[in-house]
Amino acid sequence: MPRYQLVVNGAPRTIEAWDGDMPLLYALRNSLGLHAVKFGCGLGQCGSCTVLVNGEPARSCLVKISDAVGQTITTAEGLGTPAHPHPVQAAFIAEQAAQCGYCTNGMVIGAVALLKTNPQPTREQAQAALAGNLCRCGSHDRVLKAVLRASSTKAA
């Protein structure tokens, strides 16, 4: 079985897969047990499977494992720990921005990417940056509050 060498959350990882077209999402969830990455639509439209690839948000359901070789992949698990969450994760907790959990992964990853390029976004800029993430339960207001809270920490 072919092996694919990836760097996931700062560590080299080897994934065995029959097909290089296998979505990165499946490798992360099924082979590595990284379950923050969610399967939502499988079409790259909902954002629940978003990860950072070389620091840029990408829909892991659309990234082939063969295309991920040599790339640096960061999932929500790679941002922080329960004891020491990333500032965005801490802000989501403080604002109770996660309700059903469907969108949380994509929103957190999207917020991290936004704050990397725009450390002090306006509410409208945060809303525009996260617009591609489908939220089923309507926690949008708390998500935006969390992004703005994280931007005020200067550590995001």
Protein backbone atom coordinates (compact mmCIF):
# COMPACT_ATOMS: atom_id res chain seq x y z
CA MET A 1 0.00 0.00 0.00
CA PRO A 2 1.41 3.44 -0.90
CA ARG A 3 2.60 5.66 1.94
CA TYR A 4 2.25 9.43 2.09
CA GLN A 5 4.51 11.58 4.26
CA LEU A 6 2.78 14.58 5.81
CA VAL A 7 3.56 17.10 8.52
CA VAL A 8 0.48 17.36 10.73
CA ASN A 9 0.36 19.64 13.76
CA GLY A 10 4.14 19.98 13.69
CA ALA A 11 4.94 16.26 13.57
CA PRO A 12 5.89 14.07 10.61
CA ARG A 13 3.19 11.49 9.95
CA THR A 14 2.95 8.57 7.53
CA ILE A 15 -0.43 7.67 6.06
CA GLU A 16 -1.09 4.49 4.12
CA ALA A 17 -3.77 4.81 1.46
CA TRP A 18 -4.71 2.75 -1.55
CA ASP A 19 -5.47 5.84 -3.57
CA GLY A 20 -3.64 9.17 -3.73
CA ASP A 21 -7.00 10.78 -4.49
CA MET A 22 -8.25 9.97 -0.99
CA PRO A 23 -9.38 13.20 0.70
CA LEU A 24 -7.06 14.57 3.35
CA LEU A 25 -10.13 14.70 5.59
CA TYR A 26 -10.27 10.90 5.73
CA ALA A 27 -6.58 10.61 6.55
CA LEU A 28 -6.87 13.13 9.38
CA ARG A 29 -9.98 11.59 10.93
CA ASN A 30 -9.60 7.88 10.20
CA SER A 31 -5.84 7.35 10.15
CA LEU A 32 -4.70 9.97 12.67
CA GLY A 33 -7.77 10.19 14.91
CA LEU A 34 -8.03 13.98 14.59
CA HIS A 35 -11.76 14.44 15.05
CA ALA A 36 -12.02 18.23 15.30
CA VAL A 37 -12.04 18.13 11.50
CA LYS A 38 -15.64 17.31 10.60
CA PHE A 39 -17.20 15.71 7.57
CA GLY A 40 -20.01 18.02 6.55
CA CYS A 41 -20.98 18.26 2.92
CA GLY A 42 -18.00 16.59 1.23
CA LEU A 43 -18.15 19.28 -1.46
CA GLY A 44 -16.07 22.08 0.11
CA GLN A 45 -19.13 24.24 0.67
CA CYS A 46 -19.76 24.11 4.42
CA GLY A 47 -16.31 24.67 5.95
CA SER A 48 -16.60 22.07 8.71
CA CYS A 49 -13.51 20.24 7.40
CA THR A 50 -11.28 23.32 7.18
CA VAL A 51 -7.62 22.97 8.10
CA LEU A 52 -4.60 25.18 7.58
CA VAL A 53 -2.33 24.08 4.75
CA ASN A 54 0.91 26.04 4.95
CA GLY A 55 -0.98 28.58 7.06
CA GLU A 56 -3.85 29.05 4.61
CA PRO A 57 -7.37 27.71 5.17
CA ALA A 58 -8.27 24.77 2.94
CA ARG A 59 -11.22 22.42 2.75
CA SER A 60 -9.71 19.03 3.60
CA CYS A 61 -12.52 17.19 1.83
CA LEU A 62 -11.20 18.65 -1.45
CA VAL A 63 -7.44 18.22 -0.82
CA LYS A 64 -6.09 14.92 -2.14
CA ILE A 65 -3.70 13.17 0.20
CA SER A 66 -1.15 13.06 -2.63
CA ASP A 67 -1.35 16.87 -2.87
CA ALA A 68 -0.78 17.21 0.89
CA VAL A 69 2.65 15.56 0.74
CA GLY A 70 5.29 18.08 1.74
CA GLN A 71 2.70 20.53 3.06
CA THR A 72 2.33 21.65 6.66
CA ILE A 73 -1.16 20.75 7.90
CA THR A 74 -2.62 22.28 11.06
CA THR A 75 -5.89 21.11 12.59
CA ALA A 76 -7.72 22.56 15.58
CA GLU A 77 -5.94 19.98 17.76
CA GLY A 78 -2.64 21.54 16.70
CA LEU A 79 -3.57 25.04 17.83
CA GLY A 80 -3.66 24.52 21.58
CA THR A 81 -4.41 22.08 24.35
CA PRO A 82 -7.32 21.86 26.79
CA ALA A 83 -5.02 23.24 29.48
CA HIS A 84 -3.55 25.94 27.22
CA PRO A 85 -5.95 26.73 24.39
CA HIS A 86 -5.00 28.96 21.49
CA PRO A 87 -6.35 32.52 22.02
CA VAL A 88 -9.07 31.90 19.42
CA GLN A 89 -10.10 28.67 21.13
CA ALA A 90 -10.10 30.45 24.51
CA ALA A 91 -12.27 33.23 23.07
CA PHE A 92 -14.74 30.69 21.64
CA ILE A 93 -14.98 29.11 25.09
CA ALA A 94 -15.38 32.48 26.84
CA GLU A 95 -18.11 33.61 24.43
CA GLN A 96 -19.78 30.18 24.38
CA ALA A 97 -19.54 30.39 20.60
CA ALA A 98 -19.97 26.66 20.01
CA GLN A 99 -23.49 25.36 20.13
CA CYS A 100 -24.06 22.24 18.03
CA GLY A 101 -20.40 21.96 16.95
CA TYR A 102 -21.02 21.56 13.21
CA CYS A 103 -19.27 24.79 12.23
CA THR A 104 -16.91 25.23 15.17
CA ASN A 105 -13.84 23.69 13.55
CA GLY A 106 -14.15 25.79 10.40
CA MET A 107 -14.94 28.95 12.33
CA VAL A 108 -11.93 28.52 14.65
CA ILE A 109 -9.54 27.71 11.80
CA GLY A 110 -10.96 30.58 9.72
CA ALA A 111 -10.58 33.00 12.63
CA VAL A 112 -6.97 31.94 13.18
CA ALA A 113 -6.21 32.53 9.49
CA LEU A 114 -7.99 35.90 9.55
CA LEU A 115 -6.16 37.13 12.65
CA LYS A 116 -2.84 36.10 11.17
CA THR A 117 -3.35 38.49 8.24
CA ASN A 118 -5.56 41.06 9.98
CA PRO A 119 -4.89 41.15 13.74
CA GLN A 120 -7.55 43.81 14.42
CA PRO A 121 -10.50 43.10 12.10
CA THR A 122 -13.76 44.94 12.30
CA ARG A 123 -16.92 42.96 12.93
CA GLU A 124 -17.76 43.29 9.23
CA GLN A 125 -14.31 42.00 8.18
CA ALA A 126 -14.66 39.01 10.54
CA GLN A 127 -18.13 38.32 9.17
CA ALA A 128 -16.86 38.45 5.58
CA ALA A 129 -13.89 36.18 6.38
CA LEU A 130 -16.14 33.53 7.93
CA ALA A 131 -19.01 33.82 5.46
CA GLY A 132 -18.04 30.55 3.74
CA ASN A 133 -18.66 28.55 6.91
CA LEU A 134 -22.16 27.18 7.27
CA CYS A 135 -23.61 27.47 10.77
CA ARG A 136 -26.72 25.36 11.30
CA CYS A 137 -27.72 26.55 14.76
CA GLY A 138 -27.29 30.30 14.47
CA SER A 139 -24.42 31.05 16.85
CA HIS A 140 -23.07 33.67 14.41
CA ASP A 141 -23.22 36.57 16.86
CA ARG A 142 -21.22 34.69 19.52
CA VAL A 143 -18.71 33.54 16.89
CA LEU A 144 -18.11 37.13 15.82
CA LYS A 145 -17.77 38.22 19.46
CA ALA A 146 -15.20 35.47 19.96
CA VAL A 147 -13.16 36.58 16.94
CA LEU A 148 -13.14 40.17 18.19
CA ARG A 149 -12.23 38.99 21.71
CA ALA A 150 -9.33 36.97 20.32
CA SER A 151 -8.16 39.96 18.27
CA SER A 152 -7.90 42.02 21.45
CA THR A 153 -5.50 39.51 23.04
CA LYS A 154 -2.73 40.47 20.61
CA ALA A 155 -1.63 36.82 20.82
CA ALA A 156 -3.84 35.40 18.10
